[in-house]
Amino acid sequence: MLDFMRPQYYAPRISAVDPAELRDRGVRGAIVDLDNTLVGFSSTAPLAEDADWVARANEAGVRVVVLTNNGTPWAAGVARDLGVPCIAKARKPLPHGFRRALRVLGLAAHEAIVIGDQLFTDVLGAKLAGLAVILVEPIVRRDPWNTLPLRWAEGIVLRGVPRV
């Protein structure tokens, strides 16, 4: 069970993921979480290096779609400013949102990868939808109150797992 919960890859930040390397591995699309993956908790916009990652991904031929449980107009606005589609209120980890993202990208599961910062939403949802996943460290260590119990459980599941 615990192996099913573990991501295939780790990265300190989304900006550390090389889009050209993804493309070389056959990845044509990235399904990217918003909160604490592209934009830090309580921030209003992505940092320059994270916004630049989206542009680099597109240049490398890796299309990006934002998949978020956030349903605010702000979430759609961030994606619009980045020039990518947004699937809000995704209800992760349920696989429906991930499948919808694949339809938006026009790709099969083996052609896409999920990038997110949470084990119980991004990683579990990706695995349930048959997608590979990169777990990134959260941009900031502060989370909304409803995420704190999941972060605690995440620490238990990932204890002793090397993040390389």
N, C-alpha and C. Protein backbone atom coordinates (compact mmCIF):
# COMPACT_ATOMS: atom_id res chain seq x y z
N MET A 1 0.82 -1.20 0.00
CA MET A 1 0.00 0.00 0.00
C MET A 1 0.87 1.26 0.00
N LEU A 2 1.90 1.28 0.84
CA LEU A 2 2.72 2.49 0.92
C LEU A 2 3.45 2.77 -0.39
N ASP A 3 3.85 1.73 -1.11
CA ASP A 3 4.51 1.96 -2.40
C ASP A 3 3.57 2.64 -3.38
N PHE A 4 2.29 2.29 -3.32
CA PHE A 4 1.31 2.92 -4.20
C PHE A 4 1.20 4.42 -3.92
N MET A 5 1.47 4.81 -2.67
CA MET A 5 1.36 6.22 -2.28
C MET A 5 2.62 7.02 -2.61
N ARG A 6 3.66 6.36 -3.04
CA ARG A 6 4.91 7.08 -3.26
C ARG A 6 5.03 7.53 -4.71
N PRO A 7 5.53 8.75 -4.91
CA PRO A 7 5.71 9.25 -6.29
C PRO A 7 6.87 8.56 -6.98
N GLN A 8 6.89 8.64 -8.30
CA GLN A 8 8.01 8.09 -9.06
C GLN A 8 9.23 9.00 -8.96
N TYR A 9 9.00 10.30 -8.82
CA TYR A 9 10.09 11.26 -8.85
C TYR A 9 9.88 12.34 -7.78
N TYR A 10 10.98 12.97 -7.39
CA TYR A 10 10.95 14.10 -6.46
C TYR A 10 11.71 15.27 -7.07
N ALA A 11 11.32 16.47 -6.69
CA ALA A 11 12.07 17.67 -7.07
C ALA A 11 11.87 18.71 -5.97
N PRO A 12 12.88 19.53 -5.72
CA PRO A 12 12.71 20.54 -4.68
C PRO A 12 11.66 21.59 -5.03
N ARG A 13 11.55 21.92 -6.30
CA ARG A 13 10.58 22.92 -6.79
C ARG A 13 10.22 22.56 -8.22
N ILE A 14 9.12 23.08 -8.69
CA ILE A 14 8.75 22.84 -10.08
C ILE A 14 9.80 23.43 -11.01
N SER A 15 10.40 24.54 -10.62
CA SER A 15 11.41 25.17 -11.47
C SER A 15 12.66 24.31 -11.62
N ALA A 16 12.84 23.29 -10.77
CA ALA A 16 13.99 22.38 -10.88
C ALA A 16 13.72 21.23 -11.85
N VAL A 17 12.49 21.08 -12.29
CA VAL A 17 12.14 20.02 -13.24
C VAL A 17 12.50 20.51 -14.64
N ASP A 18 13.25 19.72 -15.37
CA ASP A 18 13.68 20.11 -16.71
C ASP A 18 12.64 19.67 -17.74
N PRO A 19 11.91 20.63 -18.34
CA PRO A 19 10.89 20.26 -19.33
C PRO A 19 11.46 19.50 -20.53
N ALA A 20 12.68 19.84 -20.95
CA ALA A 20 13.28 19.14 -22.09
C ALA A 20 13.54 17.68 -21.74
N GLU A 21 13.93 17.42 -20.51
CA GLU A 21 14.14 16.03 -20.06
C GLU A 21 12.82 15.28 -20.02
N LEU A 22 11.76 15.95 -19.58
CA LEU A 22 10.43 15.33 -19.60
C LEU A 22 10.07 14.94 -21.03
N ARG A 23 10.26 15.87 -21.95
CA ARG A 23 9.93 15.62 -23.36
C ARG A 23 10.76 14.45 -23.89
N ASP A 24 12.04 14.38 -23.52
CA ASP A 24 12.89 13.28 -23.97
C ASP A 24 12.40 11.94 -23.45
N ARG A 25 11.71 11.94 -22.32
CA ARG A 25 11.15 10.70 -21.75
C ARG A 25 9.76 10.41 -22.31
N GLY A 26 9.30 11.19 -23.28
CA GLY A 26 8.02 10.94 -23.92
C GLY A 26 6.84 11.67 -23.30
N VAL A 27 7.12 12.57 -22.35
CA VAL A 27 6.05 13.35 -21.72
C VAL A 27 5.68 14.50 -22.63
N ARG A 28 4.40 14.59 -22.97
CA ARG A 28 3.92 15.66 -23.85
C ARG A 28 3.01 16.64 -23.12
N GLY A 29 2.65 16.32 -21.86
CA GLY A 29 1.78 17.19 -21.09
C GLY A 29 2.06 17.08 -19.61
N ALA A 30 1.88 18.20 -18.91
CA ALA A 30 2.06 18.24 -17.46
C ALA A 30 0.78 18.75 -16.81
N ILE A 31 0.27 17.98 -15.89
CA ILE A 31 -0.91 18.35 -15.10
C ILE A 31 -0.35 18.88 -13.78
N VAL A 32 -0.48 20.19 -13.57
CA VAL A 32 0.24 20.85 -12.48
C VAL A 32 -0.73 21.40 -11.44
N ASP A 33 -0.45 21.10 -10.18
CA ASP A 33 -1.18 21.66 -9.06
C ASP A 33 -0.88 23.16 -8.96
N LEU A 34 -1.79 23.89 -8.35
CA LEU A 34 -1.61 25.35 -8.23
C LEU A 34 -1.05 25.74 -6.88
N ASP A 35 -1.85 25.53 -5.82
CA ASP A 35 -1.49 26.01 -4.48
C ASP A 35 -0.27 25.29 -3.92
N ASN A 36 0.77 26.04 -3.65
CA ASN A 36 2.03 25.59 -3.07
C ASN A 36 2.88 24.74 -4.02
N THR A 37 2.45 24.64 -5.29
CA THR A 37 3.28 24.04 -6.33
C THR A 37 3.71 25.12 -7.30
N LEU A 38 2.75 25.87 -7.83
CA LEU A 38 3.04 27.00 -8.72
C LEU A 38 3.01 28.34 -8.00
N VAL A 39 2.15 28.44 -7.00
CA VAL A 39 1.99 29.69 -6.24
C VAL A 39 2.01 29.36 -4.75
N GLY A 40 2.83 30.06 -4.00
CA GLY A 40 2.92 29.83 -2.57
C GLY A 40 1.63 30.18 -1.85
N PHE A 41 1.35 29.45 -0.77
CA PHE A 41 0.18 29.72 0.05
C PHE A 41 0.18 31.18 0.47
N SER A 42 -0.93 31.86 0.32
CA SER A 42 -1.15 33.28 0.61
C SER A 42 -0.49 34.23 -0.38
N SER A 43 0.12 33.72 -1.44
CA SER A 43 0.66 34.58 -2.48
C SER A 43 -0.42 34.80 -3.54
N THR A 44 -0.26 35.83 -4.31
CA THR A 44 -1.26 36.11 -5.34
C THR A 44 -0.81 35.72 -6.74
N ALA A 45 0.48 35.50 -6.91
CA ALA A 45 1.01 35.17 -8.23
C ALA A 45 2.24 34.28 -8.08
N PRO A 46 2.57 33.52 -9.12
CA PRO A 46 3.77 32.69 -9.04
C PRO A 46 5.04 33.53 -9.02
N LEU A 47 6.08 32.97 -8.43
CA LEU A 47 7.40 33.59 -8.52
C LEU A 47 7.85 33.53 -9.98
N ALA A 48 8.75 34.41 -10.35
CA ALA A 48 9.20 34.50 -11.74
C ALA A 48 9.73 33.17 -12.25
N GLU A 49 10.52 32.45 -11.44
CA GLU A 49 11.10 31.19 -11.91
C GLU A 49 10.05 30.10 -12.13
N ASP A 50 8.95 30.18 -11.38
CA ASP A 50 7.88 29.19 -11.56
C ASP A 50 7.02 29.53 -12.78
N ALA A 51 6.76 30.81 -12.99
CA ALA A 51 6.05 31.23 -14.21
C ALA A 51 6.91 30.92 -15.43
N ASP A 52 8.22 31.13 -15.31
CA ASP A 52 9.15 30.84 -16.40
C ASP A 52 9.14 29.35 -16.73
N TRP A 53 8.96 28.49 -15.70
CA TRP A 53 8.92 27.06 -15.95
C TRP A 53 7.78 26.70 -16.92
N VAL A 54 6.63 27.33 -16.75
CA VAL A 54 5.50 27.07 -17.64
C VAL A 54 5.87 27.44 -19.08
N ALA A 55 6.52 28.57 -19.26
CA ALA A 55 6.95 29.00 -20.60
C ALA A 55 7.98 28.02 -21.16
N ARG A 56 8.93 27.58 -20.33
CA ARG A 56 9.95 26.63 -20.79
C ARG A 56 9.32 25.29 -21.17
N ALA A 57 8.30 24.87 -20.41
CA ALA A 57 7.62 23.62 -20.73
C ALA A 57 6.95 23.72 -22.10
N ASN A 58 6.25 24.81 -22.33
CA ASN A 58 5.59 24.99 -23.63
C ASN A 58 6.61 25.02 -24.77
N GLU A 59 7.73 25.70 -24.56
CA GLU A 59 8.79 25.76 -25.57
C GLU A 59 9.36 24.38 -25.86
N ALA A 60 9.41 23.52 -24.83
CA ALA A 60 9.94 22.16 -24.99
C ALA A 60 8.92 21.21 -25.58
N GLY A 61 7.70 21.69 -25.81
CA GLY A 61 6.66 20.82 -26.36
C GLY A 61 5.88 20.05 -25.31
N VAL A 62 5.94 20.52 -24.06
CA VAL A 62 5.18 19.91 -22.97
C VAL A 62 4.07 20.89 -22.60
N ARG A 63 2.83 20.56 -23.01
CA ARG A 63 1.70 21.43 -22.71
C ARG A 63 1.35 21.31 -21.23
N VAL A 64 0.87 22.39 -20.65
CA VAL A 64 0.57 22.46 -19.22
C VAL A 64 -0.90 22.76 -19.01
N VAL A 65 -1.49 22.09 -18.04
CA VAL A 65 -2.83 22.41 -17.56
C VAL A 65 -2.77 22.45 -16.04
N VAL A 66 -3.42 23.44 -15.45
CA VAL A 66 -3.50 23.55 -13.99
C VAL A 66 -4.70 22.74 -13.52
N LEU A 67 -4.47 21.90 -12.52
CA LEU A 67 -5.54 21.11 -11.90
C LEU A 67 -5.53 21.42 -10.41
N THR A 68 -6.61 22.02 -9.93
CA THR A 68 -6.63 22.49 -8.55
C THR A 68 -7.97 22.21 -7.89
N ASN A 69 -7.92 21.99 -6.60
CA ASN A 69 -9.15 21.89 -5.81
C ASN A 69 -9.70 23.28 -5.49
N ASN A 70 -8.89 24.29 -5.72
CA ASN A 70 -9.29 25.68 -5.48
C ASN A 70 -10.35 26.07 -6.50
N GLY A 71 -11.42 26.65 -6.04
CA GLY A 71 -12.49 27.04 -6.94
C GLY A 71 -12.71 28.52 -7.04
N THR A 72 -11.74 29.31 -6.60
CA THR A 72 -11.90 30.75 -6.60
C THR A 72 -11.59 31.34 -7.98
N PRO A 73 -12.13 32.52 -8.27
CA PRO A 73 -11.78 33.19 -9.53
C PRO A 73 -10.27 33.46 -9.62
N TRP A 74 -9.62 33.62 -8.48
CA TRP A 74 -8.17 33.84 -8.47
C TRP A 74 -7.43 32.70 -9.17
N ALA A 75 -7.84 31.45 -8.88
CA ALA A 75 -7.17 30.28 -9.47
C ALA A 75 -7.24 30.33 -10.99
N ALA A 76 -8.42 30.59 -11.52
CA ALA A 76 -8.58 30.69 -12.97
C ALA A 76 -7.77 31.85 -13.53
N GLY A 77 -7.68 32.94 -12.78
CA GLY A 77 -6.92 34.11 -13.22
C GLY A 77 -5.43 33.83 -13.31
N VAL A 78 -4.90 33.10 -12.34
CA VAL A 78 -3.47 32.75 -12.38
C VAL A 78 -3.18 31.91 -13.61
N ALA A 79 -4.01 30.90 -13.86
CA ALA A 79 -3.81 30.05 -15.04
C ALA A 79 -3.92 30.87 -16.32
N ARG A 80 -4.91 31.76 -16.37
CA ARG A 80 -5.08 32.61 -17.56
C ARG A 80 -3.83 33.46 -17.78
N ASP A 81 -3.29 34.05 -16.69
CA ASP A 81 -2.08 34.87 -16.81
C ASP A 81 -0.88 34.05 -17.29
N LEU A 82 -0.87 32.76 -16.95
CA LEU A 82 0.21 31.88 -17.40
C LEU A 82 -0.04 31.35 -18.81
N GLY A 83 -1.24 31.58 -19.32
CA GLY A 83 -1.57 31.14 -20.67
C GLY A 83 -1.89 29.66 -20.77
N VAL A 84 -2.40 29.09 -19.67
CA VAL A 84 -2.72 27.66 -19.67
C VAL A 84 -4.16 27.44 -19.20
N PRO A 85 -4.76 26.31 -19.59
CA PRO A 85 -6.11 26.02 -19.10
C PRO A 85 -6.09 25.68 -17.61
N CYS A 86 -7.25 25.86 -16.98
CA CYS A 86 -7.39 25.57 -15.55
C CYS A 86 -8.62 24.71 -15.32
N ILE A 87 -8.44 23.65 -14.60
CA ILE A 87 -9.55 22.82 -14.14
C ILE A 87 -9.63 23.04 -12.64
N ALA A 88 -10.65 23.79 -12.22
CA ALA A 88 -10.83 24.14 -10.81
C ALA A 88 -11.81 23.17 -10.16
N LYS A 89 -11.87 23.22 -8.84
CA LYS A 89 -12.78 22.35 -8.08
C LYS A 89 -12.63 20.90 -8.53
N ALA A 90 -11.40 20.44 -8.63
CA ALA A 90 -11.10 19.13 -9.22
C ALA A 90 -11.47 17.96 -8.31
N ARG A 91 -11.62 18.21 -7.04
CA ARG A 91 -11.95 17.16 -6.06
C ARG A 91 -10.87 16.08 -6.00
N LYS A 92 -9.61 16.52 -6.10
CA LYS A 92 -8.50 15.57 -5.95
C LYS A 92 -8.57 14.99 -4.54
N PRO A 93 -8.32 13.74 -4.36
CA PRO A 93 -7.64 12.79 -5.24
C PRO A 93 -8.54 11.97 -6.16
N LEU A 94 -9.81 12.29 -6.25
CA LEU A 94 -10.66 11.54 -7.17
C LEU A 94 -10.09 11.65 -8.59
N PRO A 95 -10.09 10.58 -9.35
CA PRO A 95 -9.41 10.60 -10.66
C PRO A 95 -10.12 11.37 -11.76
N HIS A 96 -11.38 11.75 -11.56
CA HIS A 96 -12.13 12.43 -12.62
C HIS A 96 -11.42 13.69 -13.12
N GLY A 97 -10.93 14.52 -12.22
CA GLY A 97 -10.25 15.76 -12.63
C GLY A 97 -9.00 15.48 -13.43
N PHE A 98 -8.26 14.45 -13.06
CA PHE A 98 -7.05 14.09 -13.80
C PHE A 98 -7.41 13.61 -15.20
N ARG A 99 -8.48 12.83 -15.31
CA ARG A 99 -8.93 12.36 -16.63
C ARG A 99 -9.42 13.53 -17.49
N ARG A 100 -10.08 14.47 -16.84
CA ARG A 100 -10.53 15.67 -17.56
C ARG A 100 -9.32 16.46 -18.09
N ALA A 101 -8.28 16.56 -17.26
CA ALA A 101 -7.06 17.25 -17.68
C ALA A 101 -6.44 16.55 -18.89
N LEU A 102 -6.44 15.23 -18.88
CA LEU A 102 -5.92 14.49 -20.04
C LEU A 102 -6.73 14.81 -21.29
N ARG A 103 -8.05 14.91 -21.16
CA ARG A 103 -8.89 15.25 -22.32
C ARG A 103 -8.56 16.65 -22.83
N VAL A 104 -8.37 17.60 -21.90
CA VAL A 104 -8.01 18.97 -22.30
C VAL A 104 -6.69 18.97 -23.05
N LEU A 105 -5.74 18.16 -22.58
CA LEU A 105 -4.43 18.07 -23.24
C LEU A 105 -4.49 17.23 -24.52
N GLY A 106 -5.52 16.40 -24.65
CA GLY A 106 -5.62 15.51 -25.79
C GLY A 106 -4.59 14.40 -25.76
N LEU A 107 -4.28 13.92 -24.54
CA LEU A 107 -3.22 12.93 -24.37
C LEU A 107 -3.71 11.70 -23.63
N ALA A 108 -2.97 10.61 -23.81
CA ALA A 108 -3.18 9.40 -23.02
C ALA A 108 -2.37 9.52 -21.73
N ALA A 109 -2.72 8.71 -20.74
CA ALA A 109 -2.05 8.78 -19.42
C ALA A 109 -0.54 8.59 -19.52
N HIS A 110 -0.08 7.73 -20.40
CA HIS A 110 1.37 7.49 -20.49
C HIS A 110 2.13 8.66 -21.12
N GLU A 111 1.42 9.63 -21.67
CA GLU A 111 2.06 10.79 -22.29
C GLU A 111 2.11 12.01 -21.38
N ALA A 112 1.57 11.88 -20.16
CA ALA A 112 1.49 13.03 -19.26
C ALA A 112 2.09 12.69 -17.90
N ILE A 113 2.37 13.73 -17.15
CA ILE A 113 2.88 13.58 -15.79
C ILE A 113 2.18 14.61 -14.91
N VAL A 114 2.01 14.26 -13.66
CA VAL A 114 1.43 15.17 -12.68
C VAL A 114 2.56 15.74 -11.85
N ILE A 115 2.48 17.04 -11.54
CA ILE A 115 3.45 17.68 -10.66
C ILE A 115 2.66 18.37 -9.55
N GLY A 116 2.94 17.98 -8.31
CA GLY A 116 2.21 18.55 -7.19
C GLY A 116 2.97 18.40 -5.89
N ASP A 117 2.46 19.07 -4.85
CA ASP A 117 3.17 19.11 -3.57
C ASP A 117 2.52 18.28 -2.47
N GLN A 118 1.39 17.63 -2.75
CA GLN A 118 0.72 16.90 -1.69
C GLN A 118 0.56 15.42 -2.02
N LEU A 119 0.89 14.60 -1.06
CA LEU A 119 0.81 13.16 -1.22
C LEU A 119 -0.62 12.68 -1.37
N PHE A 120 -1.53 13.18 -0.53
CA PHE A 120 -2.89 12.64 -0.47
C PHE A 120 -3.85 13.28 -1.47
N THR A 121 -3.40 14.25 -2.22
CA THR A 121 -4.24 14.80 -3.29
C THR A 121 -3.57 14.56 -4.64
N ASP A 122 -2.39 15.09 -4.82
CA ASP A 122 -1.71 15.04 -6.11
C ASP A 122 -1.17 13.64 -6.42
N VAL A 123 -0.41 13.06 -5.51
CA VAL A 123 0.20 11.75 -5.77
C VAL A 123 -0.88 10.67 -5.82
N LEU A 124 -1.72 10.60 -4.81
CA LEU A 124 -2.76 9.57 -4.78
C LEU A 124 -3.68 9.69 -6.00
N GLY A 125 -4.11 10.90 -6.30
CA GLY A 125 -4.98 11.11 -7.46
C GLY A 125 -4.33 10.70 -8.76
N ALA A 126 -3.05 11.06 -8.92
CA ALA A 126 -2.32 10.67 -10.13
C ALA A 126 -2.26 9.16 -10.25
N LYS A 127 -1.93 8.50 -9.17
CA LYS A 127 -1.83 7.04 -9.20
C LYS A 127 -3.18 6.40 -9.51
N LEU A 128 -4.26 6.92 -8.92
CA LEU A 128 -5.59 6.38 -9.19
C LEU A 128 -5.99 6.55 -10.66
N ALA A 129 -5.45 7.59 -11.29
CA ALA A 129 -5.75 7.85 -12.71
C ALA A 129 -4.73 7.21 -13.65
N GLY A 130 -3.77 6.48 -13.10
CA GLY A 130 -2.78 5.80 -13.93
C GLY A 130 -1.69 6.70 -14.48
N LEU A 131 -1.39 7.78 -13.75
CA LEU A 131 -0.40 8.75 -14.21
C LEU A 131 0.88 8.70 -13.36
N ALA A 132 1.99 8.99 -13.99
CA ALA A 132 3.24 9.18 -13.26
C ALA A 132 3.18 10.52 -12.55
N VAL A 133 3.98 10.68 -11.49
CA VAL A 133 3.89 11.90 -10.70
C VAL A 133 5.25 12.31 -10.15
N ILE A 134 5.46 13.62 -10.12
CA ILE A 134 6.63 14.22 -9.48
C ILE A 134 6.11 14.95 -8.24
N LEU A 135 6.63 14.59 -7.08
CA LEU A 135 6.28 15.30 -5.85
C LEU A 135 7.32 16.38 -5.62
N VAL A 136 6.86 17.61 -5.49
CA VAL A 136 7.76 18.73 -5.20
C VAL A 136 7.55 19.18 -3.76
N GLU A 137 8.55 19.80 -3.22
CA GLU A 137 8.41 20.38 -1.89
C GLU A 137 7.45 21.56 -1.98
N PRO A 138 6.63 21.77 -0.97
CA PRO A 138 5.75 22.95 -1.00
C PRO A 138 6.59 24.23 -1.07
N ILE A 139 6.09 25.21 -1.79
CA ILE A 139 6.81 26.48 -1.92
C ILE A 139 7.03 27.12 -0.55
N VAL A 140 6.00 27.12 0.27
CA VAL A 140 6.12 27.62 1.64
C VAL A 140 5.64 26.54 2.60
N ARG A 141 6.12 26.56 3.81
CA ARG A 141 5.78 25.55 4.80
C ARG A 141 4.47 25.85 5.54
N ARG A 142 3.84 26.97 5.23
CA ARG A 142 2.56 27.29 5.84
C ARG A 142 1.44 26.76 4.97
N ASP A 143 0.44 26.18 5.60
CA ASP A 143 -0.68 25.61 4.87
C ASP A 143 -1.98 26.08 5.48
N PRO A 144 -3.07 26.01 4.72
CA PRO A 144 -4.37 26.29 5.33
C PRO A 144 -4.69 25.21 6.37
N TRP A 145 -5.58 25.52 7.29
CA TRP A 145 -5.89 24.62 8.41
C TRP A 145 -6.34 23.24 7.93
N ASN A 146 -7.05 23.17 6.81
CA ASN A 146 -7.58 21.88 6.36
C ASN A 146 -6.51 20.97 5.75
N THR A 147 -5.34 21.49 5.48
CA THR A 147 -4.25 20.69 4.91
C THR A 147 -3.32 20.15 6.00
N LEU A 148 -3.31 20.75 7.18
CA LEU A 148 -2.36 20.37 8.22
C LEU A 148 -2.42 18.89 8.60
N PRO A 149 -3.60 18.28 8.81
CA PRO A 149 -3.61 16.85 9.15
C PRO A 149 -3.02 15.97 8.03
N LEU A 150 -3.25 16.38 6.79
CA LEU A 150 -2.69 15.60 5.68
C LEU A 150 -1.17 15.71 5.63
N ARG A 151 -0.64 16.89 5.94
CA ARG A 151 0.81 17.06 5.98
C ARG A 151 1.44 16.18 7.06
N TRP A 152 0.75 16.06 8.20
CA TRP A 152 1.25 15.22 9.29
C TRP A 152 1.29 13.76 8.83
N ALA A 153 0.21 13.28 8.22
CA ALA A 153 0.16 11.90 7.74
C ALA A 153 1.18 11.67 6.62
N GLU A 154 1.37 12.67 5.79
CA GLU A 154 2.34 12.62 4.71
C GLU A 154 3.74 12.34 5.26
N GLY A 155 4.07 13.02 6.36
CA GLY A 155 5.37 12.83 6.99
C GLY A 155 5.58 11.39 7.44
N ILE A 156 4.53 10.76 7.91
CA ILE A 156 4.62 9.37 8.35
C ILE A 156 4.84 8.44 7.15
N VAL A 157 4.07 8.62 6.10
CA VAL A 157 4.16 7.76 4.93
C VAL A 157 5.53 7.88 4.25
N LEU A 158 6.06 9.10 4.20
CA LEU A 158 7.32 9.34 3.50
C LEU A 158 8.55 9.24 4.40
N ARG A 159 8.36 8.92 5.67
CA ARG A 159 9.49 8.82 6.60
C ARG A 159 10.51 7.79 6.08
N GLY A 160 11.73 8.23 6.01
CA GLY A 160 12.81 7.35 5.59
C GLY A 160 12.93 7.15 4.08
N VAL A 161 12.05 7.76 3.31
CA VAL A 161 12.13 7.62 1.86
C VAL A 161 13.06 8.72 1.33
N PRO A 162 14.13 8.32 0.65
CA PRO A 162 15.05 9.34 0.11
C PRO A 162 14.37 10.17 -0.97
N ARG A 163 14.59 11.46 -0.92
CA ARG A 163 14.04 12.36 -1.94
C ARG A 163 15.19 12.82 -2.83
N VAL A 164 15.32 12.12 -3.94
CA VAL A 164 16.40 12.44 -4.88
C VAL A 164 15.84 12.80 -6.22
